[in-house]
Amino acid sequence: MYNLVQSDDPLHHHSLTYKPRRRRHSFTLRLTSMIDVFTILLIFLLKNYSTEGQIMTTSKDIILPVSSATKAPTVSSIVMINSDWILVDGRPLESINKIINDNSLLLNNLYEDLKAKRILAESAAKLDERMVFRGEITIQGDENIPFQILKRVMYTCGQVGYNNILLAVTSNVE
């Protein structure tokens, strides 16, 4: 690793000094083996990736009830009910504090928004038969919301034509 060199310089304390040897080797990257590794990694990830069901996110302030249901979620609009708001696809529509004192079963803002979504879905079905309106909607409700609120949301969904109501739950089946 070091070459020993004799020094005639009287200023040096040692008669021998170490001089590092230069390496003349160059590093070459072997792409063939790296491509093989990435191909194996890609195949492994694709085989383990599950596309079953829709990945449904819940907000931090909603704790879904636990159920033994095993049906996978489907793609649909999502009505979220937390302690403060009723939201459709992330947009707040009704304040819980406002509607809790109202005796009407129909929630007007929710009704109008779902009606607009239905009209849009039916217009899309005219362009493509595969996009037919199925009347599916998913309700994500916190486990501590009053039943009267859930009943009113379900009633309003039914009045618009969303009769295929799915309730989002946390599965306890392992």
C-alpha atoms as a PDB file:
ATOM      1  CA  MET A   1       0.000   0.000   0.000  1.00  0.00           C
ATOM      2  CA  TYR A   2       2.917   2.384   0.709  1.00  0.00           C
ATOM      3  CA  ASN A   3       6.259   2.629  -0.985  1.00  0.00           C
ATOM      4  CA  LEU A   4       9.262   3.214   1.179  1.00  0.00           C
ATOM      5  CA  VAL A   5      11.490   5.985  -0.136  1.00  0.00           C
ATOM      6  CA  GLN A   6      14.980   6.882   1.069  1.00  0.00           C
ATOM      7  CA  SER A   7      15.309  10.534   1.960  1.00  0.00           C
ATOM      8  CA  ASP A   8      18.620  12.439   1.876  1.00  0.00           C
ATOM      9  CA  ASP A   9      17.104  15.524   3.379  1.00  0.00           C
ATOM     10  CA  PRO A  10      18.685  16.261   6.792  1.00  0.00           C
ATOM     11  CA  LEU A  11      15.499  17.968   7.975  1.00  0.00           C
ATOM     12  CA  HIS A  12      13.659  14.708   8.155  1.00  0.00           C
ATOM     13  CA  HIS A  13      13.917  12.821  11.379  1.00  0.00           C
ATOM     14  CA  HIS A  14      13.501   9.553   9.643  1.00  0.00           C
ATOM     15  CA  SER A  15      15.563   8.307   6.905  1.00  0.00           C
ATOM     16  CA  LEU A  16      12.569   6.542   5.459  1.00  0.00           C
ATOM     17  CA  THR A  17       9.286   8.258   4.550  1.00  0.00           C
ATOM     18  CA  TYR A  18       6.040   6.814   3.370  1.00  0.00           C
ATOM     19  CA  LYS A  19       4.673   7.840   0.038  1.00  0.00           C
ATOM     20  CA  PRO A  20       1.189   6.582  -0.875  1.00  0.00           C
ATOM     21  CA  ARG A  21       0.958   4.495  -4.015  1.00  0.00           C
ATOM     22  CA  ARG A  22      -1.597   5.538  -6.598  1.00  0.00           C
ATOM     23  CA  ARG A  23      -4.044   2.959  -7.766  1.00  0.00           C
ATOM     24  CA  ARG A  24      -4.523   2.645 -11.455  1.00  0.00           C
ATOM     25  CA  HIS A  25      -7.775   0.702 -11.282  1.00  0.00           C
ATOM     26  CA  SER A  26     -11.018   2.314 -12.399  1.00  0.00           C
ATOM     27  CA  PHE A  27     -14.482   1.459 -11.143  1.00  0.00           C
ATOM     28  CA  THR A  28     -16.984   0.259 -13.735  1.00  0.00           C
ATOM     29  CA  LEU A  29     -20.657  -0.121 -13.061  1.00  0.00           C
ATOM     30  CA  ARG A  30     -22.175  -3.446 -14.045  1.00  0.00           C
ATOM     31  CA  LEU A  31     -25.626  -2.562 -15.353  1.00  0.00           C
ATOM     32  CA  THR A  32     -26.626  -6.115 -16.242  1.00  0.00           C
ATOM     33  CA  SER A  33     -26.677  -7.321 -12.662  1.00  0.00           C
ATOM     34  CA  MET A  34     -28.421  -4.141 -11.462  1.00  0.00           C
ATOM     35  CA  ILE A  35     -31.149  -4.562 -14.089  1.00  0.00           C
ATOM     36  CA  ASP A  36     -31.642  -8.151 -12.934  1.00  0.00           C
ATOM     37  CA  VAL A  37     -32.017  -7.024  -9.323  1.00  0.00           C
ATOM     38  CA  PHE A  38     -34.529  -4.307 -10.206  1.00  0.00           C
ATOM     39  CA  THR A  39     -36.511  -6.715 -12.397  1.00  0.00           C
ATOM     40  CA  ILE A  40     -36.783  -9.220  -9.555  1.00  0.00           C
ATOM     41  CA  LEU A  41     -37.765  -6.428  -7.163  1.00  0.00           C
ATOM     42  CA  LEU A  42     -40.420  -5.158  -9.579  1.00  0.00           C
ATOM     43  CA  ILE A  43     -41.916  -8.635 -10.044  1.00  0.00           C
ATOM     44  CA  PHE A  44     -41.964  -9.159  -6.272  1.00  0.00           C
ATOM     45  CA  LEU A  45     -43.777  -5.865  -5.654  1.00  0.00           C
ATOM     46  CA  LEU A  46     -46.308  -6.466  -8.434  1.00  0.00           C
ATOM     47  CA  LYS A  47     -47.131  -9.949  -7.138  1.00  0.00           C
ATOM     48  CA  ASN A  48     -47.654  -8.647  -3.593  1.00  0.00           C
ATOM     49  CA  TYR A  49     -49.650  -5.550  -4.536  1.00  0.00           C
ATOM     50  CA  SER A  50     -53.357  -5.978  -3.884  1.00  0.00           C
ATOM     51  CA  THR A  51     -55.808  -4.139  -6.102  1.00  0.00           C
ATOM     52  CA  GLU A  52     -58.848  -5.581  -4.390  1.00  0.00           C
ATOM     53  CA  GLY A  53     -61.270  -2.959  -3.153  1.00  0.00           C
ATOM     54  CA  GLN A  54     -60.929   0.782  -2.929  1.00  0.00           C
ATOM     55  CA  ILE A  55     -58.439   2.281  -0.563  1.00  0.00           C
ATOM     56  CA  MET A  56     -60.647   4.391   1.628  1.00  0.00           C
ATOM     57  CA  THR A  57     -59.130   7.004   3.863  1.00  0.00           C
ATOM     58  CA  THR A  58     -60.815   8.301   6.966  1.00  0.00           C
ATOM     59  CA  SER A  59     -60.106  11.562   8.690  1.00  0.00           C
ATOM     60  CA  LYS A  60     -58.350  11.562  12.045  1.00  0.00           C
ATOM     61  CA  ASP A  61     -61.465  12.679  13.902  1.00  0.00           C
ATOM     62  CA  ILE A  62     -63.566   9.707  12.743  1.00  0.00           C
ATOM     63  CA  ILE A  63     -63.359   6.369  14.529  1.00  0.00           C
ATOM     64  CA  LEU A  64     -65.224   3.791  12.461  1.00  0.00           C
ATOM     65  CA  PRO A  65     -67.286   1.145  14.255  1.00  0.00           C
ATOM     66  CA  VAL A  66     -65.907  -2.402  14.347  1.00  0.00           C
ATOM     67  CA  SER A  67     -67.700  -5.122  12.385  1.00  0.00           C
ATOM     68  CA  SER A  68     -67.186  -8.677  11.200  1.00  0.00           C
ATOM     69  CA  ALA A  69     -68.309  -7.751   7.657  1.00  0.00           C
ATOM     70  CA  THR A  70     -66.029  -8.985   4.901  1.00  0.00           C
ATOM     71  CA  LYS A  71     -67.453  -7.218   1.816  1.00  0.00           C
ATOM     72  CA  ALA A  72     -64.824  -5.118   0.077  1.00  0.00           C
ATOM     73  CA  PRO A  73     -65.613  -1.426  -0.486  1.00  0.00           C
ATOM     74  CA  THR A  74     -66.610  -0.209  -3.933  1.00  0.00           C
ATOM     75  CA  VAL A  75     -65.994   3.038  -5.750  1.00  0.00           C
ATOM     76  CA  SER A  76     -68.716   5.526  -4.795  1.00  0.00           C
ATOM     77  CA  SER A  77     -69.238   8.952  -3.306  1.00  0.00           C
ATOM     78  CA  ILE A  78     -68.450   9.150   0.399  1.00  0.00           C
ATOM     79  CA  VAL A  79     -70.562  10.908   3.013  1.00  0.00           C
ATOM     80  CA  MET A  80     -68.513  11.459   6.184  1.00  0.00           C
ATOM     81  CA  ILE A  81     -70.148  12.280   9.498  1.00  0.00           C
ATOM     82  CA  ASN A  82     -67.921  13.504  12.305  1.00  0.00           C
ATOM     83  CA  SER A  83     -68.771  15.298  15.514  1.00  0.00           C
ATOM     84  CA  ASP A  84     -69.002  18.721  13.802  1.00  0.00           C
ATOM     85  CA  TRP A  85     -69.907  18.315  10.106  1.00  0.00           C
ATOM     86  CA  ILE A  86     -71.516  16.196   7.428  1.00  0.00           C
ATOM     87  CA  LEU A  87     -69.135  16.141   4.467  1.00  0.00           C
ATOM     88  CA  VAL A  88     -69.559  14.807   0.930  1.00  0.00           C
ATOM     89  CA  ASP A  89     -66.318  13.852  -0.803  1.00  0.00           C
ATOM     90  CA  GLY A  90     -64.414  16.049   1.662  1.00  0.00           C
ATOM     91  CA  ARG A  91     -66.601  19.164   1.321  1.00  0.00           C
ATOM     92  CA  PRO A  92     -68.537  20.277   4.432  1.00  0.00           C
ATOM     93  CA  LEU A  93     -72.264  20.625   3.745  1.00  0.00           C
ATOM     94  CA  GLU A  94     -74.208  20.531   7.018  1.00  0.00           C
ATOM     95  CA  SER A  95     -73.218  21.579  10.525  1.00  0.00           C
ATOM     96  CA  ILE A  96     -74.190  18.995  13.146  1.00  0.00           C
ATOM     97  CA  ASN A  97     -74.974  21.757  15.653  1.00  0.00           C
ATOM     98  CA  LYS A  98     -77.368  23.360  13.165  1.00  0.00           C
ATOM     99  CA  ILE A  99     -79.292  20.233  12.204  1.00  0.00           C
ATOM    100  CA  ILE A 100     -79.491  18.609  15.645  1.00  0.00           C
ATOM    101  CA  ASN A 101     -82.236  21.058  16.680  1.00  0.00           C
ATOM    102  CA  ASP A 102     -84.100  20.768  13.359  1.00  0.00           C
ATOM    103  CA  ASN A 103     -86.914  18.179  13.305  1.00  0.00           C
ATOM    104  CA  SER A 104     -87.013  17.662   9.533  1.00  0.00           C
ATOM    105  CA  LEU A 105     -85.769  14.291   8.259  1.00  0.00           C
ATOM    106  CA  LEU A 106     -84.525  15.778   4.986  1.00  0.00           C
ATOM    107  CA  LEU A 107     -81.148  17.563   5.068  1.00  0.00           C
ATOM    108  CA  ASN A 108     -81.457  20.233   2.365  1.00  0.00           C
ATOM    109  CA  ASN A 109     -77.788  20.942   1.585  1.00  0.00           C
ATOM    110  CA  LEU A 110     -76.995  17.231   1.430  1.00  0.00           C
ATOM    111  CA  TYR A 111     -80.067  16.636  -0.748  1.00  0.00           C
ATOM    112  CA  GLU A 112     -79.075  19.328  -3.262  1.00  0.00           C
ATOM    113  CA  ASP A 113     -75.470  18.141  -3.490  1.00  0.00           C
ATOM    114  CA  LEU A 114     -76.412  14.477  -3.970  1.00  0.00           C
ATOM    115  CA  LYS A 115     -79.057  15.463  -6.516  1.00  0.00           C
ATOM    116  CA  ALA A 116     -76.407  17.323  -8.547  1.00  0.00           C
ATOM    117  CA  LYS A 117     -74.139  14.256  -8.364  1.00  0.00           C
ATOM    118  CA  ARG A 118     -76.967  12.036  -9.587  1.00  0.00           C
ATOM    119  CA  ILE A 119     -77.740  14.342 -12.528  1.00  0.00           C
ATOM    120  CA  LEU A 120     -74.045  14.350 -13.454  1.00  0.00           C
ATOM    121  CA  ALA A 121     -73.871  10.537 -13.241  1.00  0.00           C
ATOM    122  CA  GLU A 122     -76.985  10.141 -15.399  1.00  0.00           C
ATOM    123  CA  SER A 123     -75.546  12.562 -17.984  1.00  0.00           C
ATOM    124  CA  ALA A 124     -72.346  10.522 -18.103  1.00  0.00           C
ATOM    125  CA  ALA A 125     -74.422   7.344 -18.557  1.00  0.00           C
ATOM    126  CA  LYS A 126     -75.912   8.827 -21.729  1.00  0.00           C
ATOM    127  CA  LEU A 127     -72.407   9.082 -23.168  1.00  0.00           C
ATOM    128  CA  ASP A 128     -71.243   5.647 -22.049  1.00  0.00           C
ATOM    129  CA  GLU A 129     -73.547   2.791 -21.031  1.00  0.00           C
ATOM    130  CA  ARG A 130     -70.954   1.391 -18.620  1.00  0.00           C
ATOM    131  CA  MET A 131     -71.276   4.504 -16.424  1.00  0.00           C
ATOM    132  CA  VAL A 132     -74.887   3.814 -15.444  1.00  0.00           C
ATOM    133  CA  PHE A 133     -76.119   5.338 -12.171  1.00  0.00           C
ATOM    134  CA  ARG A 134     -76.177   2.519  -9.595  1.00  0.00           C
ATOM    135  CA  GLY A 135     -77.312   4.531  -6.587  1.00  0.00           C
ATOM    136  CA  GLU A 136     -74.320   3.506  -4.461  1.00  0.00           C
ATOM    137  CA  ILE A 137     -73.030   5.692  -1.673  1.00  0.00           C
ATOM    138  CA  THR A 138     -70.711   4.997   1.261  1.00  0.00           C
ATOM    139  CA  ILE A 139     -71.307   6.517   4.685  1.00  0.00           C
ATOM    140  CA  GLN A 140     -68.353   6.915   7.041  1.00  0.00           C
ATOM    141  CA  GLY A 141     -69.776   7.749  10.415  1.00  0.00           C
ATOM    142  CA  ASP A 142     -67.967   8.094  13.697  1.00  0.00           C
ATOM    143  CA  GLU A 143     -68.992   5.360  16.120  1.00  0.00           C
ATOM    144  CA  ASN A 144     -70.189   7.997  18.621  1.00  0.00           C
ATOM    145  CA  ILE A 145     -72.561   9.979  16.372  1.00  0.00           C
ATOM    146  CA  PRO A 146     -76.227   9.982  17.430  1.00  0.00           C
ATOM    147  CA  PHE A 147     -78.429   7.532  15.550  1.00  0.00           C
ATOM    148  CA  GLN A 148     -80.863  10.322  14.652  1.00  0.00           C
ATOM    149  CA  ILE A 149     -78.126  11.987  12.551  1.00  0.00           C
ATOM    150  CA  LEU A 150     -77.281   8.734  10.761  1.00  0.00           C
ATOM    151  CA  LYS A 151     -80.977   8.052  10.129  1.00  0.00           C
ATOM    152  CA  ARG A 152     -81.471  11.517   8.624  1.00  0.00           C
ATOM    153  CA  VAL A 153     -78.417  11.129   6.371  1.00  0.00           C
ATOM    154  CA  MET A 154     -79.649   7.723   5.184  1.00  0.00           C
ATOM    155  CA  TYR A 155     -83.164   9.104   4.593  1.00  0.00           C
ATOM    156  CA  THR A 156     -81.796  12.014   2.529  1.00  0.00           C
ATOM    157  CA  CYS A 157     -79.618   9.661   0.466  1.00  0.00           C
ATOM    158  CA  GLY A 158     -82.640   7.474  -0.210  1.00  0.00           C
ATOM    159  CA  GLN A 159     -84.787  10.440  -1.306  1.00  0.00           C
ATOM    160  CA  VAL A 160     -82.232  11.323  -3.984  1.00  0.00           C
ATOM    161  CA  GLY A 161     -82.064   7.740  -5.254  1.00  0.00           C
ATOM    162  CA  TYR A 162     -78.952   6.537  -3.481  1.00  0.00           C
ATOM    163  CA  ASN A 163     -80.658   3.419  -2.128  1.00  0.00           C
ATOM    164  CA  ASN A 164     -77.601   1.160  -2.161  1.00  0.00           C
ATOM    165  CA  ILE A 165     -76.028   2.491   1.047  1.00  0.00           C
ATOM    166  CA  LEU A 166     -72.753   1.043   2.297  1.00  0.00           C
ATOM    167  CA  LEU A 167     -71.569   1.733   5.844  1.00  0.00           C
ATOM    168  CA  ALA A 168     -67.803   1.939   6.249  1.00  0.00           C
ATOM    169  CA  VAL A 169     -66.522  -0.058   9.216  1.00  0.00           C
ATOM    170  CA  THR A 170     -63.272  -1.350  10.586  1.00  0.00           C
ATOM    171  CA  SER A 171     -63.031  -5.097  10.089  1.00  0.00           C
ATOM    172  CA  ASN A 172     -62.086  -7.213  13.082  1.00  0.00           C
ATOM    173  CA  VAL A 173     -61.620 -10.350  10.953  1.00  0.00           C
ATOM    174  CA  GLU A 174     -57.953 -11.315  10.874  1.00  0.00           C
END
